[in-house]
C-alpha cells in the first residue's frame, strides 16, 4: 500500500489515503512503457514530405532524339532525373508512420506510468479544484502552495471549463480528465496532481473491471 497525503488548495494537510499497488498491476512494466512511448511519438509524425518524381514533371514523353547516329549520349525524355528540371530519381512520398497497440496494453502502460509516479513520490493529491471564473493567477497560487515548481499533469474527474482555462496558459502544465490519461502524457511531466475525486474515480473504475478496491482513507 502506498500512503498519500491529501492537501487543500492552501497547502495544508487535510487527510491521508492509501492506494493498493495491485490495482495498478503491482509492478512497473518498463518494456510496455517503452513500446507505448514509441507508439505515441510515431503517431505524432506528420509524414507529408513529397518531392516530384518523373511522373509529376510536366513535359512530353517523346524521346528527345534518336538513340544512335547523332554523336550525343543517349537520352530519354526531358522529364528524366538526369536533366535540369527533371524529376527526382527516388522521390519521397507521403508516408504513414502510425503504430497501434491493443487497448488492454495501452491501459496497462498507463497504469504502470501512474505506479511509477507513485513510487517516486511525484504524485500530489488535492481535495478539490474549483474556480468561480477562469483565472490563471489563482491556479498559479495553488501550485505555489503545493510546492509544485516543475512540469505537471493535472488530472481531474470530468472536464471543467473554468479549470481548463485557468491552467492552459501555465507553462509546462497540462490538464486531462482521468478518462483521457495515457502513458505519454504522464511520463512527459515530472509531477502529477490528482484531485481526490479524480483519483477515486480512476481507481474505482479499475475496481469495476475486476480488480480490488484501490483506495482507502
Protein backbone atom coordinates (compact mmCIF):
# COMPACT_ATOMS: atom_id res chain seq x y z
CA UNK A 1 0.00 0.00 0.00
CA UNK A 2 1.17 3.49 -0.83
CA UNK A 3 0.11 6.26 1.55
CA UNK A 4 -0.66 9.66 0.06
CA UNK A 5 -1.28 12.94 1.82
CA UNK A 6 -4.30 14.98 0.73
CA UNK A 7 -3.81 18.74 0.76
CA UNK A 8 -6.19 21.63 0.35
CA UNK A 9 -5.52 24.42 -2.11
CA UNK A 10 -3.74 26.33 0.63
CA UNK A 11 -1.15 23.59 1.05
CA UNK A 12 -2.35 22.28 4.45
CA UNK A 13 -2.73 18.56 5.07
CA UNK A 14 -6.39 17.60 5.46
CA UNK A 15 -6.43 13.83 5.01
CA UNK A 16 -4.43 10.73 4.08
CA UNK A 17 -5.37 7.94 1.71
CA UNK A 18 -3.83 4.59 0.83
CA UNK A 19 -3.53 3.20 -2.68
CA UNK A 20 -3.26 -0.53 -3.32
CA UNK A 21 -0.46 -1.17 -5.80
CA UNK A 22 -2.11 -4.38 -7.03
CA UNK A 23 -4.90 -2.30 -8.60
CA UNK A 24 -2.29 -0.75 -10.88
CA UNK A 25 -0.72 -4.07 -11.79
CA UNK A 26 1.62 -4.46 -8.82
CA UNK A 27 4.76 -3.72 -10.86
CA UNK A 28 6.03 -1.23 -13.41
CA UNK A 29 6.17 -2.78 -16.88
CA UNK A 30 9.10 -0.88 -18.37
CA UNK A 31 9.10 -2.74 -21.70
CA UNK A 32 5.43 -1.94 -22.19
CA UNK A 33 6.05 1.70 -21.28
CA UNK A 34 8.81 1.89 -23.91
CA UNK A 35 6.52 0.38 -26.53
CA UNK A 36 3.74 2.85 -25.69
CA UNK A 37 6.05 5.88 -25.81
CA UNK A 38 7.45 4.82 -29.20
CA UNK A 39 3.88 4.42 -30.48
CA UNK A 40 2.71 7.83 -29.25
CA UNK A 41 5.79 9.54 -30.73
CA UNK A 42 5.38 7.72 -34.04
CA UNK A 43 1.73 8.74 -34.24
CA UNK A 44 2.72 12.40 -33.97
CA UNK A 45 4.89 12.22 -37.10
CA UNK A 46 3.23 14.00 -40.00
CA UNK A 47 4.88 12.13 -42.86
CA UNK A 48 3.63 14.52 -45.55
CA UNK A 49 7.01 15.14 -47.21
CA UNK A 50 6.82 14.92 -51.01
CA UNK A 51 9.15 15.62 -53.93
CA UNK A 52 8.39 15.42 -57.63
CA UNK A 53 9.14 12.21 -59.46
CA UNK A 54 9.26 11.90 -63.27
CA UNK A 55 5.52 11.32 -63.37
CA UNK A 56 4.80 14.71 -61.72
CA UNK A 57 7.01 16.83 -64.02
CA UNK A 58 5.28 18.46 -66.97
CA UNK A 59 6.67 17.57 -70.37
CA UNK A 60 6.38 15.25 -73.32
CA UNK A 61 7.14 11.56 -73.08
CA UNK A 62 8.77 11.69 -76.51
CA UNK A 63 12.42 10.71 -76.73
CA UNK A 64 14.46 13.90 -77.35
CA UNK A 65 16.44 12.42 -80.25
CA UNK A 66 17.10 9.05 -81.69
CA UNK A 67 19.22 6.54 -79.82
CA UNK A 68 22.09 6.25 -82.34
CA UNK A 69 23.78 8.25 -85.06
CA UNK A 70 23.76 11.74 -83.51
CA UNK A 71 27.10 11.56 -81.71
CA UNK A 72 25.41 12.58 -78.44
CA UNK A 73 24.97 10.50 -75.33
CA UNK A 74 21.76 8.54 -75.37
CA UNK A 75 18.93 10.27 -73.57
CA UNK A 76 15.27 9.69 -72.89
CA UNK A 77 12.52 12.25 -72.18
CA UNK A 78 13.08 15.74 -70.82
CA UNK A 79 11.46 14.63 -67.57
CA UNK A 80 14.32 12.29 -66.69
CA UNK A 81 16.19 12.91 -63.45
CA UNK A 82 19.44 13.28 -65.40
CA UNK A 83 18.39 16.65 -66.81
CA UNK A 84 17.87 20.04 -65.15
CA UNK A 85 14.19 20.44 -64.36
CA UNK A 86 13.56 16.71 -64.38
CA UNK A 87 12.06 14.65 -61.61
CA UNK A 88 13.83 13.15 -58.62
CA UNK A 89 15.18 9.65 -59.21
CA UNK A 90 13.97 8.24 -55.90
CA UNK A 91 11.25 10.73 -55.00
CA UNK A 92 9.93 10.87 -51.46
CA UNK A 93 6.19 10.47 -51.00
CA UNK A 94 3.68 10.74 -48.16
CA UNK A 95 4.18 8.04 -45.54
CA UNK A 96 2.10 6.87 -42.62
CA UNK A 97 4.22 6.25 -39.51
CA UNK A 98 1.30 5.27 -37.28
CA UNK A 99 1.63 2.33 -34.92
CA UNK A 100 -1.05 0.54 -32.96
CA UNK A 101 -1.31 -1.17 -29.58
CA UNK A 102 -4.22 -3.21 -28.22
CA UNK A 103 -6.38 -1.26 -25.82
CA UNK A 104 -5.51 -3.51 -22.87
CA UNK A 105 -1.81 -2.89 -23.44
CA UNK A 106 -2.37 0.87 -23.58
CA UNK A 107 -4.28 0.72 -20.30
CA UNK A 108 -1.55 -1.41 -18.66
CA UNK A 109 1.08 1.08 -19.83
CA UNK A 110 -0.95 3.96 -18.37
CA UNK A 111 -1.27 2.13 -15.04
CA UNK A 112 2.46 1.42 -14.99
CA UNK A 113 3.17 5.09 -15.60
CA UNK A 114 0.93 6.13 -12.68
CA UNK A 115 2.50 3.48 -10.43
CA UNK A 116 5.99 4.70 -11.34
CA UNK A 117 4.99 8.24 -10.35
CA UNK A 118 3.52 7.00 -7.08
CA UNK A 119 6.65 5.05 -6.17
CA UNK A 120 8.89 8.03 -6.90
CA UNK A 121 6.74 10.35 -4.75
CA UNK A 122 5.84 12.53 -7.72
CA UNK A 123 2.06 12.42 -7.13
CA UNK A 124 0.26 15.18 -5.20
CA UNK A 125 -3.40 14.90 -4.20
CA UNK A 126 -5.55 17.96 -3.60
CA UNK A 127 -9.01 17.78 -2.04
CA UNK A 128 -10.54 19.76 -4.91
CA UNK A 129 -10.03 22.29 -7.68
CA UNK A 130 -12.79 24.75 -8.45
CA UNK A 131 -12.79 28.30 -9.75
CA UNK A 132 -15.76 30.63 -9.97
CA UNK A 133 -14.31 32.00 -13.19
CA UNK A 134 -11.18 31.30 -15.25
CA UNK A 135 -8.18 32.93 -13.63
CA UNK A 136 -4.61 31.75 -14.17
CA UNK A 137 -3.33 33.70 -11.16
CA UNK A 138 -5.47 31.61 -8.79
CA UNK A 139 -4.16 28.32 -10.16
CA UNK A 140 -0.53 29.52 -10.03
CA UNK A 141 -1.10 30.29 -6.34
CA UNK A 142 -2.35 26.72 -5.81
CA UNK A 143 0.80 25.32 -7.45
CA UNK A 144 2.94 27.53 -5.24
CA UNK A 145 1.11 26.39 -2.09
CA UNK A 146 1.58 22.75 -3.08
CA UNK A 147 5.29 23.39 -3.85
CA UNK A 148 4.99 22.23 -7.45
CA UNK A 149 7.65 24.04 -9.45
CA UNK A 150 8.27 21.52 -12.23
CA UNK A 151 6.25 20.35 -15.22
CA UNK A 152 2.95 18.93 -14.03
CA UNK A 153 -0.04 17.00 -15.35
CA UNK A 154 -3.30 17.83 -13.61
CA UNK A 155 -5.86 15.00 -13.56
CA UNK A 156 -9.47 15.96 -12.88
CA UNK A 157 -12.57 13.77 -12.75
CA UNK A 158 -14.53 15.44 -15.56
CA UNK A 159 -13.91 18.29 -17.95
CA UNK A 160 -14.26 21.66 -16.18
CA UNK A 161 -14.11 24.71 -18.42
CA UNK A 162 -13.03 27.09 -15.65
CA UNK A 163 -10.24 24.76 -14.51
CA UNK A 164 -9.08 24.17 -18.09
CA UNK A 165 -8.96 27.88 -18.93
CA UNK A 166 -7.16 28.66 -15.67
CA UNK A 167 -4.44 26.12 -16.48
CA UNK A 168 -3.93 26.37 -20.25
CA UNK A 169 -1.62 29.40 -20.12
CA UNK A 170 0.69 27.99 -17.44
CA UNK A 171 3.96 26.84 -18.97
CA UNK A 172 4.66 23.08 -18.83
CA UNK A 173 1.35 22.35 -17.10
CA UNK A 174 -1.46 20.40 -18.77
CA UNK A 175 -4.84 19.16 -17.62
CA UNK A 176 -6.69 15.98 -18.58
CA UNK A 177 -9.79 14.16 -17.35
CA UNK A 178 -8.86 10.76 -15.88
CA UNK A 179 -10.62 9.03 -18.79
CA UNK A 180 -8.07 10.59 -21.20
CA UNK A 181 -4.90 9.77 -19.25
CA UNK A 182 -2.23 7.95 -21.22
CA UNK A 183 1.35 6.84 -20.63
CA UNK A 184 2.90 9.51 -22.85
CA UNK A 185 1.11 12.42 -21.16
CA UNK A 186 2.03 11.09 -17.71
CA UNK A 187 5.72 10.46 -18.42
CA UNK A 188 6.17 13.77 -20.28
CA UNK A 189 5.57 15.61 -16.98
CA UNK A 190 7.68 15.45 -13.83
CA UNK A 191 4.78 15.70 -11.35
CA UNK A 192 1.14 14.62 -11.27
CA UNK A 193 -1.61 16.49 -9.46
CA UNK A 194 -4.77 14.46 -8.81
CA UNK A 195 -7.92 15.85 -7.32
CA UNK A 196 -9.20 13.46 -4.66
CA UNK A 197 -12.37 12.61 -6.56
CA UNK A 198 -10.36 12.10 -9.76
CA UNK A 199 -8.06 9.59 -8.07
CA UNK A 200 -11.06 7.81 -6.54
CA UNK A 201 -12.76 7.69 -9.94
CA UNK A 202 -9.61 6.34 -11.59
CA UNK A 203 -9.15 3.55 -9.03
CA UNK A 204 -12.87 2.74 -8.74
CA UNK A 205 -13.04 2.29 -12.50
CA UNK A 206 -10.20 -0.20 -12.12
CA UNK A 207 -12.17 -1.96 -9.40
CA UNK A 208 -15.20 -2.24 -11.69
CA UNK A 209 -13.03 -4.14 -14.18
CA UNK A 210 -12.45 -6.91 -11.66
CA UNK A 211 -9.59 -5.51 -9.57
CA UNK A 212 -9.96 -4.96 -5.80
CA UNK A 213 -10.77 -1.57 -4.35
CA UNK A 214 -7.68 0.56 -4.77
CA UNK A 215 -8.04 3.43 -2.32
CA UNK A 216 -8.86 3.61 1.36
CA UNK A 217 -8.98 6.60 3.63
